[in-house]
Amino acid sequence: MAVIKDVARLAGVSVASVSKVLNNAGSVSNKTREKIESAIKELDYIPSTIARSMRTRKTNMIAVVVPDIIDDFFANVFNYIKDAAQNLGYTPILYSIEDNIEMLKNYLGKISLVNFDGAIFCFLDEDEVISNFEKIQMQIPITLFSWNISNVKFSAVVTDVFEGEYKAARYLIEKGEKRIAFVGGPENSRISKQKFDGFAKAMREAGLEIKDDYLFNGHCRYQTGYQAAIRFSRLAEMPTAVVAAGDNFAAGLIKYFTRKGIKVPDDIKVIGFDNIPLASIYEPAISTVSIPIEQMSREAVNLLVNKITGREKANRTIIFKNELLIRNSTDRDILIDFEF
């Protein structure tokens, strides 16, 4: 691990100048500051004084990093984490990366330098940032809120999204649907790939074709579902069912279909994922794969605090089952109790 002398040597300046930049004290020219900041980045340097304070001084603050706070699912996750953390005397600080990996890397650097006692990363375990998580874990404990059931490097709460999307597709297939579309998140996201793979497995097992025209990806917004519905409705042969990788996608799909007189579920069935509160009160109520986010959030905080306080040293993964909830977007005759 690099030390302050390495930074000074690479930047061609004195240790005192590096110290001034790190502590924001004293006058340093812009040119010198840029050299020092460039050397810090190249060496992946974490100031030893700050690292020591992370190990010895408690702030009772934890960082919570989510892909996108506009997504109702992550807003709910943070609220549950906040309640659980505050009950244990900790204050969570929210970071949203807006589905931007470069922004995430920037936040990771800040988390390493701020006196957080620990951090929770929600569905962010992409290949290109895992090594950064490992570096942060050398300084403070972290917990993943994750889809990756094979994780062993970090403490984590996990739900199997592959299995959840497989169950959603199997249900539609068992209902007799053959022309089934899929709407997912960004194509380069591992969780999006996991969800698609679950869908694809069910389709292959049933001998059904996965048509390119029936696949649509975009940011986790209602607008993505709406745009997908526009495209599907213009096809010569429209799908008769859609597996949506999020309830917000499903709501966008249903909104457009309803506006155009395409009846859900009579003309086309739609099933979502996550079971956000909107799903049960939407019209028609949205069939979905329910994730127990309240329990997962509580256990994520418990795992992290146990690491912070030293009660647990080894990594531990807790796997939560997801549940297929059938509502009116796939079965008109189901009676729905509104879930407030």
Protein backbone atom coordinates (compact mmCIF):
# COMPACT_ATOMS: atom_id res chain seq x y z
CA MET A 1 0.00 0.00 0.00
CA ALA A 2 1.32 3.44 -0.97
CA VAL A 3 2.49 5.89 1.71
CA ILE A 4 2.74 9.68 1.66
CA LYS A 5 6.40 9.56 0.59
CA ASP A 6 5.42 7.59 -2.53
CA VAL A 7 2.93 10.32 -3.45
CA ALA A 8 5.53 13.04 -2.93
CA ARG A 9 8.11 11.16 -5.01
CA LEU A 10 5.70 10.55 -7.92
CA ALA A 11 4.47 14.14 -7.88
CA GLY A 12 8.01 15.54 -7.57
CA VAL A 13 7.15 17.61 -4.50
CA SER A 14 7.89 17.62 -0.79
CA VAL A 15 6.02 15.54 1.79
CA ALA A 16 4.98 18.83 3.38
CA SER A 17 3.24 19.90 0.16
CA VAL A 18 1.35 16.61 -0.02
CA SER A 19 0.29 17.04 3.60
CA LYS A 20 -1.02 20.55 2.88
CA VAL A 21 -3.19 19.24 0.05
CA LEU A 22 -4.50 16.32 2.11
CA ASN A 23 -5.39 18.55 5.05
CA ASN A 24 -6.47 21.52 2.92
CA ALA A 25 -4.07 23.66 4.92
CA GLY A 26 -1.51 26.20 3.72
CA SER A 27 -0.96 27.63 0.27
CA VAL A 28 -0.15 25.32 -2.64
CA SER A 29 -0.14 26.38 -6.30
CA ASN A 30 -2.81 24.96 -8.58
CA LYS A 31 -0.14 23.23 -10.66
CA THR A 32 1.35 21.53 -7.59
CA ARG A 33 -2.09 20.56 -6.32
CA GLU A 34 -2.94 18.95 -9.68
CA LYS A 35 0.31 16.93 -9.62
CA ILE A 36 -0.39 15.71 -6.09
CA GLU A 37 -4.02 14.81 -6.81
CA SER A 38 -2.93 12.95 -9.96
CA ALA A 39 -0.31 10.99 -7.96
CA ILE A 40 -2.88 10.13 -5.26
CA LYS A 41 -5.23 8.78 -7.92
CA GLU A 42 -2.53 6.82 -9.74
CA LEU A 43 -1.24 5.21 -6.54
CA ASP A 44 -4.74 4.64 -5.14
CA TYR A 45 -3.42 6.26 -1.98
CA ILE A 46 -5.44 6.45 1.24
CA PRO A 47 -3.89 8.83 3.81
CA SER A 48 -2.64 6.83 6.75
CA THR A 49 -3.86 9.36 9.28
CA ILE A 50 -7.38 9.11 7.93
CA ALA A 51 -7.15 5.34 7.72
CA ARG A 52 -6.10 5.20 11.36
CA SER A 53 -9.00 7.43 12.37
CA MET A 54 -11.37 5.11 10.53
CA ARG A 55 -10.14 2.25 12.69
CA THR A 56 -10.21 4.07 15.99
CA ARG A 57 -12.76 6.89 15.89
CA LYS A 58 -16.46 6.12 15.59
CA THR A 59 -18.82 8.58 13.94
CA ASN A 60 -21.95 6.41 14.02
CA MET A 61 -22.43 7.24 10.34
CA ILE A 62 -22.80 4.67 7.56
CA ALA A 63 -22.77 5.27 3.81
CA VAL A 64 -25.61 3.79 1.76
CA VAL A 65 -25.00 3.71 -2.00
CA VAL A 66 -27.82 2.93 -4.45
CA PRO A 67 -27.98 2.93 -8.26
CA ASP A 68 -30.84 5.41 -8.58
CA ILE A 69 -32.97 7.06 -5.90
CA ILE A 70 -35.63 7.98 -8.50
CA ASP A 71 -36.43 4.25 -8.70
CA ASP A 72 -39.17 3.59 -6.10
CA PHE A 73 -37.54 0.30 -5.16
CA PHE A 74 -34.31 1.94 -3.96
CA ALA A 75 -36.17 4.77 -2.24
CA ASN A 76 -37.99 2.11 -0.20
CA VAL A 77 -34.75 0.21 0.48
CA PHE A 78 -33.11 3.36 1.86
CA ASN A 79 -36.11 4.17 4.07
CA TYR A 80 -36.01 0.69 5.60
CA ILE A 81 -32.23 0.88 6.08
CA LYS A 82 -32.62 4.31 7.68
CA ASP A 83 -35.18 3.02 10.19
CA ALA A 84 -33.07 -0.02 11.10
CA ALA A 85 -29.87 2.03 11.40
CA GLN A 86 -31.43 4.73 13.55
CA ASN A 87 -32.83 2.09 15.89
CA LEU A 88 -29.23 0.98 16.49
CA GLY A 89 -27.93 4.53 16.90
CA TYR A 90 -26.46 5.02 13.42
CA THR A 91 -27.11 7.74 10.84
CA PRO A 92 -27.17 6.60 7.18
CA ILE A 93 -25.92 8.99 4.49
CA LEU A 94 -27.36 8.33 1.02
CA TYR A 95 -25.36 8.36 -2.22
CA SER A 96 -27.11 7.81 -5.58
CA ILE A 97 -24.94 7.11 -8.62
CA GLU A 98 -27.67 7.53 -11.25
CA ASP A 99 -26.61 4.25 -12.92
CA ASN A 100 -23.19 5.78 -13.65
CA ILE A 101 -20.18 3.55 -12.88
CA GLU A 102 -17.74 6.46 -13.07
CA MET A 103 -19.79 8.36 -10.50
CA LEU A 104 -19.72 5.25 -8.32
CA LYS A 105 -15.92 5.09 -8.51
CA ASN A 106 -15.78 8.75 -7.50
CA TYR A 107 -18.06 8.08 -4.51
CA LEU A 108 -15.95 5.09 -3.49
CA GLY A 109 -12.95 7.39 -3.19
CA LYS A 110 -14.90 9.78 -0.99
CA ILE A 111 -16.19 6.97 1.20
CA SER A 112 -12.59 5.93 1.80
CA LEU A 113 -11.71 9.43 2.96
CA VAL A 114 -14.74 10.30 5.09
CA ASN A 115 -15.08 8.95 8.61
CA PHE A 116 -17.88 6.48 7.95
CA ASP A 117 -18.02 3.53 10.31
CA GLY A 118 -19.21 1.28 7.48
CA ALA A 119 -21.03 1.17 4.13
CA ILE A 120 -23.92 -0.67 2.47
CA PHE A 121 -23.87 -1.07 -1.32
CA CYS A 122 -27.23 -1.90 -2.91
CA PHE A 123 -27.20 -3.99 -6.11
CA LEU A 124 -23.89 -2.49 -7.23
CA ASP A 125 -21.64 -5.57 -7.35
CA GLU A 126 -20.50 -5.14 -10.93
CA ASP A 127 -17.19 -6.74 -12.00
CA GLU A 128 -15.45 -3.42 -12.58
CA VAL A 129 -16.04 -2.13 -9.04
CA ILE A 130 -15.63 -5.28 -6.92
CA SER A 131 -11.89 -4.63 -6.52
CA ASN A 132 -12.73 -1.16 -5.22
CA PHE A 133 -15.04 -2.70 -2.63
CA GLU A 134 -12.19 -4.92 -1.49
CA LYS A 135 -9.95 -1.87 -0.99
CA ILE A 136 -12.63 -0.07 1.01
CA GLN A 137 -13.16 -3.17 3.15
CA MET A 138 -9.52 -2.89 4.22
CA GLN A 139 -10.50 0.39 5.90
CA ILE A 140 -14.13 -0.02 7.00
CA PRO A 141 -16.66 -2.89 7.07
CA ILE A 142 -19.09 -3.14 4.17
CA THR A 143 -22.24 -5.13 3.47
CA LEU A 144 -23.81 -5.84 0.09
CA PHE A 145 -27.54 -5.73 -0.62
CA SER A 146 -27.20 -8.07 -3.57
CA TRP A 147 -28.41 -10.53 -6.19
CA ASN A 148 -25.18 -12.58 -6.12
CA ILE A 149 -25.86 -15.77 -4.16
CA SER A 150 -22.31 -17.04 -4.83
CA ASN A 151 -20.62 -14.07 -3.13
CA VAL A 152 -18.04 -15.01 -0.47
CA LYS A 153 -15.91 -11.85 -0.32
CA PHE A 154 -18.36 -9.68 1.62
CA SER A 155 -21.12 -9.92 4.15
CA ALA A 156 -24.36 -9.73 2.19
CA VAL A 157 -28.11 -10.03 2.11
CA VAL A 158 -29.14 -11.66 -1.15
CA THR A 159 -32.19 -12.54 -3.21
CA ASP A 160 -31.93 -14.72 -6.30
CA VAL A 161 -33.25 -12.51 -9.14
CA PHE A 162 -32.44 -15.22 -11.70
CA GLU A 163 -34.84 -17.57 -9.94
CA GLY A 164 -37.45 -14.83 -9.53
CA GLU A 165 -37.54 -13.98 -13.23
CA TYR A 166 -37.52 -17.67 -14.12
CA LYS A 167 -40.64 -18.14 -11.97
CA ALA A 168 -42.34 -15.15 -13.61
CA ALA A 169 -41.73 -16.49 -17.12
CA ARG A 170 -42.70 -20.05 -16.15
CA TYR A 171 -46.01 -18.78 -14.78
CA LEU A 172 -46.88 -17.08 -18.08
CA ILE A 173 -45.83 -20.14 -20.05
CA GLU A 174 -48.02 -22.36 -17.87
CA LYS A 175 -50.90 -19.96 -18.57
CA GLY A 176 -50.46 -20.88 -22.24
CA GLU A 177 -48.55 -17.81 -23.43
CA LYS A 178 -46.07 -18.34 -26.26
CA ARG A 179 -45.27 -14.83 -27.53
CA ILE A 180 -43.57 -13.41 -24.45
CA ALA A 181 -41.51 -10.20 -24.42
CA PHE A 182 -38.94 -9.00 -21.88
CA VAL A 183 -38.25 -5.45 -20.64
CA GLY A 184 -35.06 -5.04 -18.61
CA GLY A 185 -32.60 -2.52 -17.22
CA PRO A 186 -29.31 -1.42 -18.81
CA GLU A 187 -27.83 -4.25 -20.89
CA ASN A 188 -24.36 -3.90 -19.34
CA SER A 189 -25.67 -4.36 -15.79
CA ARG A 190 -25.03 -7.76 -14.19
CA ILE A 191 -28.35 -7.76 -12.36
CA SER A 192 -30.13 -7.02 -15.65
CA LYS A 193 -28.29 -9.93 -17.24
CA GLN A 194 -29.23 -12.22 -14.35
CA LYS A 195 -32.90 -11.35 -14.72
CA PHE A 196 -32.81 -11.86 -18.48
CA ASP A 197 -31.01 -15.19 -18.05
CA GLY A 198 -33.78 -16.40 -15.72
CA PHE A 199 -36.39 -15.41 -18.30
CA ALA A 200 -34.38 -17.01 -21.12
CA LYS A 201 -33.99 -20.30 -19.25
CA ALA A 202 -37.77 -20.66 -18.88
CA MET A 203 -38.28 -19.84 -22.55
CA ARG A 204 -35.67 -22.35 -23.71
CA GLU A 205 -37.05 -25.10 -21.49
CA ALA A 206 -40.48 -24.57 -23.07
CA GLY A 207 -39.01 -24.55 -26.58
CA LEU A 208 -40.17 -20.97 -27.16
CA GLU A 209 -38.38 -18.47 -29.39
CA ILE A 210 -36.81 -15.37 -27.84
CA LYS A 211 -37.42 -12.76 -30.53
CA ASP A 212 -35.16 -9.72 -30.80
CA ASP A 213 -38.22 -7.55 -31.45
CA TYR A 214 -39.61 -8.67 -28.10
CA LEU A 215 -36.59 -7.46 -26.10
CA PHE A 216 -36.30 -3.91 -24.75
CA ASN A 217 -33.74 -2.40 -22.34
CA GLY A 218 -33.39 0.98 -20.70
CA HIS A 219 -32.94 2.89 -17.46
CA CYS A 220 -35.14 1.87 -14.54
CA ARG A 221 -37.90 4.37 -15.28
CA TYR A 222 -41.62 4.25 -16.06
CA GLN A 223 -40.70 5.82 -19.40
CA THR A 224 -38.75 2.71 -20.41
CA GLY A 225 -41.83 0.54 -20.02
CA TYR A 226 -43.93 3.11 -21.88
CA GLN A 227 -41.49 3.22 -24.81
CA ALA A 228 -41.32 -0.58 -24.87
CA ALA A 229 -45.11 -0.75 -25.11
CA ILE A 230 -45.07 1.67 -28.05
CA ARG A 231 -42.62 -0.57 -29.91
CA PHE A 232 -44.41 -3.82 -29.08
CA SER A 233 -47.80 -2.43 -30.14
CA ARG A 234 -46.44 -1.49 -33.57
CA LEU A 235 -45.16 -4.96 -34.40
CA ALA A 236 -46.97 -7.00 -37.02
CA GLU A 237 -47.37 -9.70 -34.36
CA MET A 238 -47.60 -8.16 -30.92
CA PRO A 239 -46.52 -10.20 -27.86
CA THR A 240 -49.32 -11.57 -25.72
CA ALA A 241 -47.36 -11.26 -22.46
CA VAL A 242 -44.46 -9.24 -21.05
CA VAL A 243 -42.01 -10.08 -18.28
CA ALA A 244 -40.85 -6.73 -16.90
CA ALA A 245 -37.72 -6.60 -14.73
CA GLY A 246 -39.25 -3.93 -12.48
CA ASP A 247 -42.70 -2.77 -11.40
CA ASN A 248 -41.96 0.69 -12.78
CA PHE A 249 -41.45 -0.90 -16.22
CA ALA A 250 -44.72 -2.80 -15.80
CA ALA A 251 -46.62 0.38 -14.85
CA GLY A 252 -45.26 2.18 -17.93
CA LEU A 253 -46.27 -0.72 -20.16
CA ILE A 254 -49.79 -0.87 -18.75
CA LYS A 255 -50.21 2.91 -19.01
CA TYR A 256 -49.54 2.92 -22.74
CA PHE A 257 -51.54 -0.22 -23.48
CA THR A 258 -54.55 1.17 -21.60
CA ARG A 259 -54.36 4.50 -23.43
CA LYS A 260 -54.40 2.67 -26.76
CA GLY A 261 -57.32 0.42 -25.87
CA ILE A 262 -55.15 -2.69 -25.52
CA LYS A 263 -56.68 -4.54 -22.59
CA VAL A 264 -54.52 -5.88 -19.75
CA PRO A 265 -54.68 -8.83 -19.11
CA ASP A 266 -57.18 -9.83 -21.84
CA ASP A 267 -55.07 -8.75 -24.82
CA ILE A 268 -51.67 -8.80 -23.14
CA LYS A 269 -50.48 -9.94 -19.72
CA VAL A 270 -47.84 -7.98 -17.78
CA ILE A 271 -45.81 -9.12 -14.80
CA GLY A 272 -43.35 -6.96 -12.87
CA PHE A 273 -40.60 -7.35 -10.29
CA ASP A 274 -39.87 -5.91 -6.79
CA ASN A 275 -43.41 -5.45 -5.38
CA ILE A 276 -43.13 -1.71 -4.78
CA PRO A 277 -46.19 -0.21 -2.98
CA LEU A 278 -47.56 1.12 -6.28
CA ALA A 279 -47.91 -2.41 -7.65
CA SER A 280 -50.90 -3.37 -5.49
CA ILE A 281 -52.84 -0.12 -5.97
CA TYR A 282 -52.23 0.35 -9.70
CA GLU A 283 -55.11 -0.40 -12.07
CA PRO A 284 -54.97 -3.19 -12.90
CA ALA A 285 -52.98 -4.33 -9.85
CA ILE A 286 -49.60 -5.57 -11.04
CA SER A 287 -48.54 -9.20 -10.74
CA THR A 288 -44.95 -9.18 -9.52
CA VAL A 289 -42.02 -10.97 -7.95
CA SER A 290 -41.94 -9.78 -4.35
CA ILE A 291 -38.61 -9.16 -2.62
CA PRO A 292 -38.69 -8.94 1.21
CA ILE A 293 -36.83 -5.63 1.28
CA GLU A 294 -37.83 -4.67 4.82
CA GLN A 295 -36.31 -7.85 6.27
CA MET A 296 -33.30 -7.63 3.94
CA SER A 297 -32.66 -4.01 4.91
CA ARG A 298 -32.84 -4.80 8.59
CA GLU A 299 -30.43 -7.73 8.25
CA ALA A 300 -28.04 -5.68 6.09
CA VAL A 301 -27.77 -3.14 8.91
CA ASN A 302 -27.39 -5.89 11.52
CA LEU A 303 -24.58 -7.56 9.57
CA LEU A 304 -22.78 -4.24 9.13
CA VAL A 305 -23.13 -3.15 12.76
CA ASN A 306 -21.92 -6.55 13.96
CA LYS A 307 -18.79 -6.03 11.86
CA ILE A 308 -18.35 -2.43 13.08
CA THR A 309 -18.62 -3.44 16.74
CA GLY A 310 -16.46 -6.54 16.32
CA ARG A 311 -19.20 -8.99 17.27
CA GLU A 312 -18.71 -10.71 13.91
CA LYS A 313 -15.46 -10.97 11.99
CA ALA A 314 -16.17 -13.55 9.30
CA ASN A 315 -18.25 -12.68 6.24
CA ARG A 316 -21.78 -14.03 6.24
CA THR A 317 -24.43 -14.20 3.51
CA ILE A 318 -28.15 -14.37 4.27
CA ILE A 319 -30.29 -15.55 1.34
CA PHE A 320 -33.91 -14.41 1.17
CA LYS A 321 -36.55 -16.08 -0.96
CA ASN A 322 -38.63 -14.04 -3.38
CA GLU A 323 -42.30 -14.77 -4.01
CA LEU A 324 -44.47 -14.65 -7.11
CA LEU A 325 -47.61 -12.57 -6.41
CA ILE A 326 -50.44 -12.96 -8.92
CA ARG A 327 -52.69 -9.94 -9.40
CA ASN A 328 -54.99 -8.54 -12.08
CA SER A 329 -52.37 -7.66 -14.70
CA THR A 330 -52.14 -11.39 -15.44
CA ASP A 331 -55.43 -12.72 -14.01
CA ARG A 332 -58.55 -10.56 -14.09
CA ASP A 333 -60.43 -12.78 -11.62
CA ILE A 334 -57.96 -12.52 -8.73
CA LEU A 335 -59.39 -10.55 -5.78
CA ILE A 336 -56.87 -7.99 -4.49
CA ASP A 337 -56.52 -6.68 -0.97
CA PHE A 338 -54.85 -3.29 -1.20
CA GLU A 339 -51.56 -3.34 0.67
CA PHE A 340 -50.99 0.02 2.37
